[in-house]
Protein backbone atom coordinates (compact mmCIF):
# COMPACT_ATOMS: atom_id res chain seq x y z
CA MET A 1 0.00 0.00 0.00
CA LYS A 2 2.87 2.31 0.88
CA TYR A 3 4.39 1.83 -2.56
CA ILE A 4 1.04 2.50 -4.29
CA ILE A 5 0.62 5.80 -2.41
CA THR A 6 4.22 6.76 -3.18
CA GLY A 7 3.70 5.92 -6.85
CA LEU A 8 0.52 8.02 -7.03
CA MET A 9 2.33 10.94 -5.40
CA VAL A 10 5.15 10.64 -7.93
CA VAL A 11 2.65 10.60 -10.83
CA LEU A 12 0.81 13.60 -9.35
CA ALA A 13 4.08 15.47 -8.96
CA GLY A 14 5.07 14.60 -12.53
CA VAL A 15 1.76 15.86 -13.93
CA HIS A 16 2.14 19.15 -12.07
CA VAL A 17 5.76 19.56 -13.17
CA PHE A 18 4.46 19.27 -16.75
CA LEU A 19 1.71 21.80 -15.99
CA PHE A 20 4.26 24.12 -14.37
CA ALA A 21 6.29 24.02 -17.57
CA MET A 22 3.15 24.86 -19.59
CA GLY A 23 2.34 27.84 -17.36
CA VAL A 24 -0.76 26.13 -15.96
CA GLY A 25 -1.58 26.47 -12.28
CA SER A 26 -4.23 25.32 -9.80
CA ILE A 27 -4.88 25.12 -6.06
CA THR A 28 -3.40 21.61 -6.11
CA GLY A 29 -0.30 23.04 -7.73
CA THR A 30 -0.13 25.68 -5.01
CA PHE A 31 -0.01 23.11 -2.22
CA LEU A 32 2.42 20.96 -4.19
CA LEU A 33 4.61 24.05 -4.51
CA LEU A 34 4.38 24.59 -0.74
CA ALA A 35 5.23 20.95 -0.05
CA CYS A 36 8.20 21.06 -2.42
CA ALA A 37 9.46 24.26 -0.79
CA PHE A 38 9.09 22.72 2.66
CA PHE A 39 10.94 19.49 1.85
CA LEU A 40 13.62 21.36 -0.09
CA CYS A 41 14.25 23.56 2.94
CA LEU A 42 14.43 20.48 5.18
CA ILE A 43 17.00 18.87 2.88
CA CYS A 44 19.07 22.07 2.83
CA LEU A 45 18.79 22.32 6.61
CA ARG A 46 20.04 18.77 7.03
CA ILE A 47 23.01 19.40 4.74
CA LEU A 48 23.87 22.66 6.50
CA GLY A 49 23.48 20.97 9.88
CA LYS A 50 26.07 18.35 8.96
CA VAL A 51 28.47 20.84 7.40
CA PHE A 52 28.37 23.33 10.30
CA SER A 53 27.58 20.83 13.08
CA PHE A 54 24.35 22.52 14.26
CA GLN A 55 23.13 21.47 17.68
CA ARG A 56 19.85 19.54 17.90
CA PRO A 57 17.95 22.36 19.78
CA LEU A 58 18.93 24.83 17.05
CA LEU A 59 17.78 22.46 14.31
CA THR A 60 14.47 21.93 16.12
CA ASN A 61 13.88 25.71 16.39
CA ILE A 62 14.69 26.22 12.72
CA ARG A 63 12.26 23.44 11.77
CA LEU A 64 9.51 25.04 13.88
CA MET A 65 10.19 28.42 12.26
CA LEU A 66 10.05 26.76 8.84
CA ILE A 67 6.75 25.04 9.63
CA SER A 68 5.30 28.36 10.89
CA PHE A 69 6.42 30.12 7.72
CA ILE A 70 4.83 27.47 5.48
CA ILE A 71 1.56 27.68 7.45
CA LEU A 72 1.52 31.49 7.12
CA TRP A 73 2.30 31.19 3.41
CA ALA A 74 -0.54 28.70 2.94
CA GLY A 75 -2.94 31.00 4.84
CA ALA A 76 -1.94 33.96 2.66
CA GLU A 77 -2.49 31.88 -0.47
CA LEU A 78 -6.00 30.86 0.63
CA PHE A 79 -6.91 34.42 1.65
CA LEU A 80 -5.71 35.97 -1.62
CA ARG A 81 -7.29 33.22 -3.72
CA TYR A 82 -10.68 32.88 -2.03
CA GLY A 83 -10.94 36.05 0.01
CA LEU A 84 -9.77 39.01 -2.05
CA LYS A 85 -9.94 37.24 -5.46
CA ARG A 86 -8.11 40.29 -6.78
CA TYR A 87 -5.56 38.43 -8.82
CA SER A 88 -7.83 35.75 -10.33
CA SER A 89 -7.67 35.19 -14.07
CA TYR A 90 -10.73 35.06 -16.33
CA SER A 91 -11.01 31.28 -16.09
CA GLU A 92 -10.59 31.28 -12.32
CA LYS A 93 -13.28 33.93 -11.87
CA ASN A 94 -15.69 31.81 -13.90
CA GLY A 95 -15.45 28.77 -11.68
CA GLU A 96 -12.59 26.95 -13.34
CA PHE A 97 -9.69 25.86 -11.14
CA LEU A 98 -6.89 26.31 -13.64
CA TYR A 99 -4.80 29.34 -14.53
CA VAL A 100 -3.32 29.19 -18.03
CA SER A 101 -0.55 31.57 -18.98
CA PRO A 102 -1.52 33.90 -21.86
CA TYR A 103 1.81 32.96 -23.47
CA THR A 104 0.89 29.29 -23.64
CA VAL A 105 0.11 28.16 -27.20
CA LYS A 106 -3.34 26.67 -26.58
CA GLU A 107 -3.69 25.48 -30.17
CA SER A 108 -2.34 21.94 -29.96
CA ASN A 109 -3.39 18.37 -30.69
CA TRP A 110 -5.13 18.03 -27.32
CA SER A 111 -7.00 21.31 -27.67
CA PRO A 112 -10.49 21.49 -29.26
CA VAL A 113 -9.41 24.73 -30.98
CA TRP A 114 -6.73 23.75 -33.48
CA GLN A 115 -6.64 22.73 -37.14
CA LYS A 116 -3.44 23.15 -39.14
CA ASN A 117 -2.45 26.76 -38.41
CA LEU A 118 -6.09 27.74 -37.90
CA HIS A 119 -7.79 28.81 -34.69
CA VAL A 120 -11.06 26.95 -35.15
CA TYR A 121 -12.88 24.16 -33.31
CA LYS A 122 -12.42 20.59 -34.38
CA PRO A 123 -15.22 19.23 -36.62
CA ASN A 124 -18.43 18.11 -34.90
CA TYR A 125 -17.07 19.09 -31.49
CA ARG A 126 -19.43 18.72 -28.53
CA SER A 127 -18.92 20.27 -25.12
CA SER A 128 -20.68 21.93 -22.19
CA LEU A 129 -19.69 25.21 -20.58
CA ASN A 130 -20.59 25.48 -16.91
CA PHE A 131 -19.50 28.87 -15.69
CA ALA A 132 -20.43 30.72 -12.52
CA GLU A 133 -23.20 32.75 -14.21
CA TYR A 134 -24.42 30.51 -17.02
CA ALA A 135 -24.26 27.08 -18.56
CA TYR A 136 -24.89 25.94 -22.13
CA HIS A 137 -23.78 23.44 -24.77
CA ILE A 138 -21.40 24.04 -27.66
CA GLN A 139 -21.92 22.08 -30.85
CA THR A 140 -19.94 22.67 -34.03
CA ASN A 141 -20.49 21.63 -37.61
CA SER A 142 -18.11 19.76 -39.92
CA GLU A 143 -16.24 23.05 -40.52
CA GLY A 144 -15.58 23.51 -36.80
CA LEU A 145 -17.95 26.50 -36.49
CA ARG A 146 -20.71 27.00 -33.91
CA GLU A 147 -23.19 26.88 -36.72
CA ALA A 148 -25.52 24.51 -38.56
CA GLU A 149 -24.19 22.68 -41.60
CA ILE A 150 -23.65 25.11 -44.49
CA PRO A 151 -23.91 23.86 -48.07
CA VAL A 152 -21.06 25.11 -50.22
CA PRO A 153 -23.36 25.65 -53.23
CA ASN A 154 -25.97 28.36 -52.80
CA PRO A 155 -28.97 26.85 -54.63
CA HIS A 156 -31.49 29.42 -53.37
CA SER A 157 -29.21 32.40 -54.08
CA ASP A 158 -29.33 33.48 -50.45
CA TYR A 159 -27.42 36.63 -49.58
CA ARG A 160 -24.54 35.32 -47.46
CA ILE A 161 -22.95 37.32 -44.67
CA LEU A 162 -19.95 35.81 -42.90
CA ALA A 163 -19.36 37.02 -39.32
CA LEU A 164 -15.80 36.73 -38.00
CA GLY A 165 -14.66 37.49 -34.45
CA ASP A 166 -13.73 36.07 -31.08
CA SER A 167 -15.89 34.85 -28.18
CA PHE A 168 -18.24 37.84 -28.54
CA THR A 169 -19.10 36.69 -32.06
CA GLU A 170 -19.19 33.01 -31.17
CA GLY A 171 -21.69 34.06 -28.49
CA ARG A 172 -20.00 33.16 -25.20
CA GLY A 173 -22.66 33.49 -22.50
CA ALA A 174 -25.69 32.79 -24.71
CA GLY A 175 -27.37 29.99 -26.61
CA GLN A 176 -26.59 29.29 -30.24
CA ASP A 177 -29.73 31.10 -31.46
CA SER A 178 -29.04 34.16 -29.26
CA THR A 179 -25.73 35.29 -30.77
CA TRP A 180 -25.44 38.64 -32.54
CA PRO A 181 -25.05 37.01 -36.00
CA LYS A 182 -28.39 35.25 -35.50
CA SER A 183 -29.96 38.48 -34.24
CA LEU A 184 -28.69 40.19 -37.40
CA GLU A 185 -30.09 37.40 -39.57
CA ARG A 186 -33.55 37.68 -37.98
CA LYS A 187 -33.53 41.45 -38.39
CA LEU A 188 -32.64 41.36 -42.09
CA ASN A 189 -35.15 38.58 -42.81
CA ALA A 190 -37.97 40.34 -40.94
CA SER A 191 -39.71 41.55 -44.11
CA ALA A 192 -41.76 39.03 -46.07
CA GLY A 193 -40.89 38.64 -49.72
CA SER A 194 -37.28 39.72 -49.45
CA ARG A 195 -34.32 37.77 -50.72
CA LYS A 196 -33.31 35.51 -47.85
CA THR A 197 -30.20 36.48 -45.91
CA MET A 198 -28.00 33.82 -44.30
CA VAL A 199 -25.58 34.99 -41.62
CA ILE A 200 -22.82 32.43 -40.97
CA ASN A 201 -21.35 32.58 -37.47
CA ALA A 202 -17.58 32.00 -37.81
CA GLY A 203 -16.66 33.45 -34.43
CA ILE A 204 -14.23 31.40 -32.32
CA SER A 205 -13.41 32.03 -28.67
CA GLY A 206 -9.84 33.25 -28.24
CA SER A 207 -9.46 34.28 -31.86
CA ASP A 208 -8.02 37.58 -33.13
CA PRO A 209 -8.01 39.47 -36.47
CA PHE A 210 -5.01 37.58 -37.92
CA PHE A 211 -6.45 34.17 -37.02
CA GLU A 212 -9.76 35.31 -38.55
CA TYR A 213 -8.05 36.49 -41.73
CA GLN A 214 -6.27 33.14 -42.05
CA LEU A 215 -9.49 31.22 -41.42
CA LEU A 216 -11.35 33.21 -44.09
CA LYS A 217 -8.55 32.91 -46.62
CA GLU A 218 -7.85 29.21 -46.13
CA ARG A 219 -11.26 27.73 -45.37
CA LEU A 220 -14.29 29.98 -45.73
CA LEU A 221 -13.98 31.74 -49.11
CA LYS A 222 -15.47 28.63 -50.71
CA TYR A 223 -18.86 29.70 -49.31
CA ASN A 224 -18.74 32.80 -51.57
CA PRO A 225 -19.89 35.37 -48.99
CA ASN A 226 -21.48 38.55 -50.32
CA MET A 227 -20.38 40.40 -47.20
CA VAL A 228 -17.81 39.72 -44.47
CA ILE A 229 -18.17 41.36 -41.06
CA VAL A 230 -15.09 41.43 -38.82
CA ALA A 231 -15.81 42.18 -35.16
CA ILE A 232 -12.90 43.73 -33.23
CA ASN A 233 -12.56 44.72 -29.57
CA SER A 234 -9.78 45.87 -27.25
CA SER A 235 -8.95 42.32 -26.08
CA ASP A 236 -7.43 41.85 -29.54
CA ILE A 237 -4.67 44.25 -28.48
CA ASP A 238 -3.56 41.84 -25.75
CA ASP A 239 -3.80 38.89 -28.15
CA LEU A 240 -1.52 40.57 -30.68
CA ILE A 241 1.03 41.57 -28.02
CA ILE A 242 1.34 37.89 -27.13
CA ARG A 243 0.96 36.30 -30.57
CA GLY A 244 2.25 38.89 -33.01
CA GLY A 245 0.88 39.23 -36.53
CA MET A 246 1.35 36.98 -39.55
CA GLU A 247 4.82 35.97 -38.35
CA ARG A 248 3.18 33.60 -35.84
CA PHE A 249 2.32 31.19 -38.67
CA GLN A 250 5.34 28.93 -39.12
CA PRO A 251 5.92 26.27 -41.81
CA GLY A 252 4.43 22.86 -41.15
CA GLY A 253 1.36 24.15 -39.32
CA ILE A 254 3.36 25.36 -36.32
CA LEU A 255 2.35 28.39 -34.29
CA LYS A 256 4.99 30.47 -32.55
CA TYR A 257 3.98 33.01 -29.92
CA LYS A 258 6.23 35.43 -28.10
CA GLU A 259 7.78 34.02 -24.96
CA GLY A 260 6.72 34.98 -21.47
CA PRO A 261 9.08 35.32 -18.49
CA TRP A 262 10.70 32.22 -17.01
CA TRP A 263 8.82 32.63 -13.73
CA THR A 264 5.36 32.23 -15.30
CA TRP A 265 4.99 28.82 -13.63
CA LEU A 266 5.46 30.42 -10.22
CA TYR A 267 2.89 33.14 -11.02
CA ALA A 268 0.42 30.45 -12.11
CA ASN A 269 0.57 28.58 -8.82
CA SER A 270 1.06 31.28 -6.19
CA PHE A 271 -1.27 34.16 -5.41
CA VAL A 272 1.37 35.57 -3.08
CA PHE A 273 3.72 35.78 -6.04
CA ARG A 274 0.94 37.42 -8.10
CA HIS A 275 0.65 40.08 -5.39
CA LEU A 276 4.41 40.72 -5.54
CA THR A 277 4.33 40.76 -9.36
CA HIS A 278 1.60 43.40 -9.68
CA ASP A 279 1.71 45.48 -6.49
CA VAL A 280 5.42 45.44 -5.70
CA LEU A 281 7.23 44.93 -9.00
CA GLY A 282 4.65 46.85 -11.07
CA TYR A 283 3.99 44.36 -13.88
CA ASP A 284 0.62 44.16 -15.65
CA TRP A 285 -1.16 40.87 -16.33
CA LEU A 286 0.93 40.36 -19.50
CA PHE A 287 4.07 40.75 -17.31
CA LEU A 288 5.03 44.07 -18.88
CA LYS A 289 6.22 47.26 -17.20
CA LYS A 290 4.24 50.44 -17.90
CA GLU A 291 6.48 51.95 -20.59
CA GLU A 292 6.97 48.65 -22.39
CA ALA A 293 3.24 47.92 -22.23
CA GLU A 294 2.37 51.31 -23.78
CA ARG A 295 4.85 50.75 -26.60
CA LYS A 296 3.59 47.25 -27.33
CA ARG A 297 -0.05 48.37 -27.23
CA THR A 298 0.71 51.05 -29.81
CA GLU A 299 2.38 48.43 -32.01
CA ALA A 300 -0.59 46.09 -31.63
CA LYS A 301 -3.00 48.82 -32.74
CA GLU A 302 -0.90 49.35 -35.87
CA GLN A 303 -1.09 45.61 -36.49
CA ILE A 304 -4.89 45.73 -36.29
CA LEU A 305 -4.91 48.41 -39.02
CA THR A 306 -2.52 46.28 -41.07
CA CYS A 307 -4.86 43.30 -40.74
CA ILE A 308 -7.88 45.39 -41.77
CA ARG A 309 -5.99 46.29 -44.95
CA LEU A 310 -5.30 42.59 -45.55
CA PHE A 311 -9.04 41.96 -45.30
CA GLU A 312 -9.64 44.88 -47.66
CA ASP A 313 -7.28 43.41 -50.28
CA LEU A 314 -8.98 40.02 -49.92
CA ALA A 315 -12.39 41.69 -50.35
CA LYS A 316 -11.31 43.36 -53.61
CA LYS A 317 -9.87 40.13 -54.98
CA ASN A 318 -12.92 38.03 -54.10
CA GLU A 319 -15.59 40.70 -54.65
CA PHE A 320 -17.29 40.77 -51.28
CA GLU A 321 -18.28 43.77 -49.20
CA LEU A 322 -16.23 44.33 -46.04
CA MET A 323 -17.62 45.69 -42.78
CA VAL A 324 -15.59 46.18 -39.58
CA VAL A 325 -17.45 46.46 -36.28
CA PHE A 326 -15.64 47.85 -33.23
CA HIS A 327 -17.52 46.80 -30.12
CA PRO A 328 -16.78 47.96 -26.57
CA THR A 329 -15.99 46.06 -23.39
CA LEU A 330 -17.89 46.83 -20.21
CA GLU A 331 -14.83 48.61 -18.81
CA GLU A 332 -14.63 50.93 -21.82
CA LEU A 333 -18.29 51.88 -21.48
CA THR A 334 -17.78 52.56 -17.77
CA LEU A 335 -14.86 54.88 -18.64
CA LYS A 336 -16.76 56.25 -21.67
CA LYS A 337 -13.68 55.83 -23.80
CA SER A 338 -12.63 53.24 -26.36
CA GLU A 339 -9.03 52.09 -26.30
CA LEU A 340 -9.33 51.58 -30.05
CA SER A 341 -10.44 55.15 -30.78
CA GLY A 342 -7.33 55.87 -32.89
CA VAL A 343 -7.77 52.65 -34.86
CA ILE A 344 -11.45 53.45 -35.42
CA LYS A 345 -10.62 56.95 -36.67
CA ASN A 346 -8.05 55.61 -39.14
CA SER A 347 -10.42 52.85 -40.28
CA PHE A 348 -12.94 55.45 -41.44
CA ASN A 349 -10.26 56.61 -43.91
CA GLU A 350 -10.32 53.24 -45.66
CA LYS A 351 -12.58 53.88 -48.67
CA ASN A 352 -13.67 50.30 -49.26
CA VAL A 353 -14.47 49.42 -45.65
CA MET A 354 -17.81 50.02 -43.94
CA VAL A 355 -17.08 50.88 -40.29
CA LEU A 356 -19.41 50.71 -37.29
CA ASP A 357 -18.34 52.11 -33.90
CA LEU A 358 -20.59 50.47 -31.31
CA CYS A 359 -18.83 52.21 -28.42
CA ASP A 360 -20.07 55.54 -29.74
CA LYS A 361 -23.54 54.05 -30.24
CA PHE A 362 -23.75 52.88 -26.63
CA ILE A 363 -22.45 56.14 -25.14
CA ASN A 364 -24.62 58.48 -27.21
CA ASN A 365 -27.85 56.47 -27.28
CA LYS A 366 -29.99 57.39 -24.28
CA TRP A 367 -31.46 53.97 -23.51
CA LEU A 368 -28.24 52.08 -24.35
CA LYS A 369 -26.46 54.08 -21.64
CA GLU A 370 -27.88 51.56 -19.17
CA PHE A 371 -25.19 49.28 -20.55
CA HIS A 372 -24.68 47.08 -17.48
CA GLN A 373 -27.89 45.22 -18.30
CA PHE A 374 -26.30 43.91 -21.51
CA TYR A 375 -23.26 42.21 -19.92
CA TRP A 376 -22.66 39.40 -17.47
CA LYS A 377 -21.29 40.94 -14.28
CA THR A 378 -18.41 38.49 -13.73
CA ASP A 379 -17.87 36.93 -17.13
CA LEU A 380 -18.01 40.36 -18.87
CA HIS A 381 -19.38 38.95 -22.14
CA HIS A 382 -22.75 40.05 -23.46
CA ASN A 383 -25.85 38.26 -22.28
CA ALA A 384 -28.62 37.41 -24.76
CA ARG A 385 -30.04 40.95 -24.59
CA GLY A 386 -26.63 42.44 -25.27
CA TYR A 387 -26.14 40.26 -28.33
CA GLU A 388 -29.58 41.27 -29.60
CA VAL A 389 -28.64 44.94 -29.37
CA PHE A 390 -25.33 44.16 -31.09
CA GLY A 391 -27.10 42.47 -34.00
CA ASP A 392 -29.73 45.21 -34.25
CA GLU A 393 -27.09 47.94 -34.51
CA VAL A 394 -25.24 46.06 -37.26
CA ALA A 395 -28.54 45.60 -39.12
CA LYS A 396 -29.27 49.34 -38.84
CA LYS A 397 -25.88 50.12 -40.39
CA ILE A 398 -26.58 47.83 -43.35
CA ILE A 399 -30.10 49.24 -43.78
CA ASP A 400 -28.80 52.83 -43.59
CA LYS A 401 -26.43 51.99 -46.41
CA ALA A 402 -29.33 50.66 -48.48
CA LYS A 403 -31.25 53.89 -47.77
CA THR A 404 -28.35 55.87 -49.21
CA ALA A 405 -28.44 53.66 -52.29
CA CYS A 406 -32.18 54.24 -52.62
CA ILE A 407 -31.73 58.03 -52.59
CA LYS A 408 -28.88 57.89 -55.13
CA ALA A 409 -31.08 55.73 -57.36
CA GLY A 410 -33.63 58.58 -57.49
CA GLN A 411 -36.23 56.86 -55.32
CA ASN A 412 -38.21 58.36 -52.46
CA MET A 413 -36.75 56.71 -49.39
CA ASP A 414 -40.00 57.03 -47.37
CA ASP A 415 -41.78 54.90 -49.97
CA HIS A 416 -39.54 51.93 -49.21
CA PHE A 417 -38.30 52.34 -45.62
CA ALA A 418 -40.92 52.97 -42.94
CA ASP A 419 -39.59 53.87 -39.49
CA VAL A 420 -41.64 52.19 -36.77
CA SER A 421 -41.16 51.32 -33.11
CA LYS A 422 -41.70 48.21 -31.04
CA MET A 423 -41.81 47.46 -27.33
CA VAL A 424 -39.12 45.28 -25.75
CA ASN A 425 -39.18 43.68 -22.32
CA LEU A 426 -36.47 44.97 -19.97
CA GLY A 427 -36.67 41.96 -17.68
CA SER A 428 -38.07 43.85 -14.69
CA GLY A 429 -41.64 43.86 -15.99
CA ALA A 430 -41.19 47.23 -17.68
CA GLU A 431 -41.13 47.81 -21.42
CA ARG A 432 -39.26 50.30 -23.55
CA PRO A 433 -39.91 51.43 -27.13
CA VAL A 434 -37.04 50.83 -29.57
CA GLU A 435 -36.64 51.99 -33.13
CA ASP A 436 -37.30 49.51 -35.91
CA ILE A 437 -37.71 49.69 -39.67
CA MET A 438 -40.41 48.14 -41.83
CA LEU A 439 -39.11 47.36 -45.30
CA ILE A 440 -40.94 46.74 -48.52
CA ARG A 441 -39.56 44.16 -50.92
CA TYR A 442 -37.64 46.72 -52.97
CA ALA A 443 -35.79 48.00 -49.91
CA CYS A 444 -34.89 44.49 -48.85
CA TYR A 445 -33.46 43.73 -52.24
CA LEU A 446 -31.32 46.85 -52.09
CA ILE A 447 -29.89 45.61 -48.83
CA ALA A 448 -29.24 42.20 -50.33
CA GLN A 449 -27.45 43.54 -53.41
CA ASN A 450 -25.23 45.60 -51.14
CA GLY A 451 -22.96 47.48 -53.52
CA ASP A 452 -21.10 50.67 -52.64
CA PRO A 453 -23.77 53.42 -52.56
CA ARG A 454 -21.20 56.23 -52.81
CA LYS A 455 -20.69 55.32 -56.46
CA ASN A 456 -23.51 56.54 -58.71
CA GLU A 457 -23.01 53.63 -61.09
CA ILE A 458 -23.54 51.09 -58.32
CA ALA A 459 -26.61 52.94 -57.05
CA PHE A 460 -28.07 52.92 -60.58
CA ALA A 461 -27.34 49.16 -60.93
CA MET A 462 -29.07 48.44 -57.63
CA ASN A 463 -32.16 50.26 -58.83
CA TYR A 464 -32.08 48.55 -62.23
CA PHE A 465 -31.91 44.98 -60.89
CA ALA A 466 -34.46 45.65 -58.17
CA ILE A 467 -37.02 46.88 -60.73
CA ARG A 468 -36.31 43.92 -63.04
CA LEU A 469 -36.41 41.20 -60.37
CA VAL A 470 -38.90 42.45 -57.78
């Protein structure tokens, strides 16, 4: 029995040594770290005692001091982890027990998100997410997307919109039919008689603009999208600091991220060390000092603009319309300032890119100012109501573009776009009126054609085909 217990302890230690090397930490790892520190000190004490001939009373006192120190250390770890919770990572706050270093390459053979240089789920993946505030199932199709099966041919000539983004686009925190791409699809298909619009949800948790560009280029162009929407938020800045741009994609399907500090394993397993890292040494959660962090954040913003231009070139080559949506985090709305404001401003200068700034929409829209109701308090993703607002605002942008096309085509906009309002439930029993638009068939077809309305020739073509086909 003694040998079995010893063997299990050795296996457990081996597993945690591997996790230490991967920058993964847990409460078990914390106590293993404490135990290793304790026994290492005892070994050193024994060696020193023999070398310097310490007396037994002195050795006993040192052992007692060591035991007291370990007990105090363990108490501090428990207090910082379960009491203050100040230094908990995203996964730890959401009920998971593991910390994973941001510098760890999560795309690997054992990860569900990895396919030959692409950040996408494995085909027909099934899983359940049980977080502190919500629980739901994830189910992917044969393409690895949180979406129903999509036929490559388009037999019904549906207007196809492809939505790219990270966990906010995938719909973390909501059911599969409550994501913003599905909200957008319902909004655009609201009018009877219109050409059907299909919105394909290609959002993947943990993705970033360069992963999304690679996914579109390598796997999703075969679906011949009429429009591609790329959703970007400030978390992409952190992703690019860690991962870099296109240089991350190495030959042979290998990903290479930038390396974190050697002591990441210690940070992962000790909340006391996290306290020293942030409050004493002054590092941020990416282990960067203030000046270095500011420089790297500026570089990451430039990389986002570079990636938008890559999307723009791909759009020209493959003849699809490109829309970039900048959406805010809860923290940005609280501060009433977007960290991507400079990127957004420069994006408006790109002539062939339709840009939507949702941060500005939330701040300047009276009823959207009650923004806390659209986010999970701990998880910080949108809830179902937040995703509905997201989708509605994207739909409004597309419809506004079609209105511009209608005017340029010499049509009376009021004959085709009727502004109406509807009541929505706020969850507390109260209702609030929100703006909506009733579209006739002609207006819907203008949206579906979706050319560039700033060009008179395109506006004329939209009008011509609508009259011929409606």
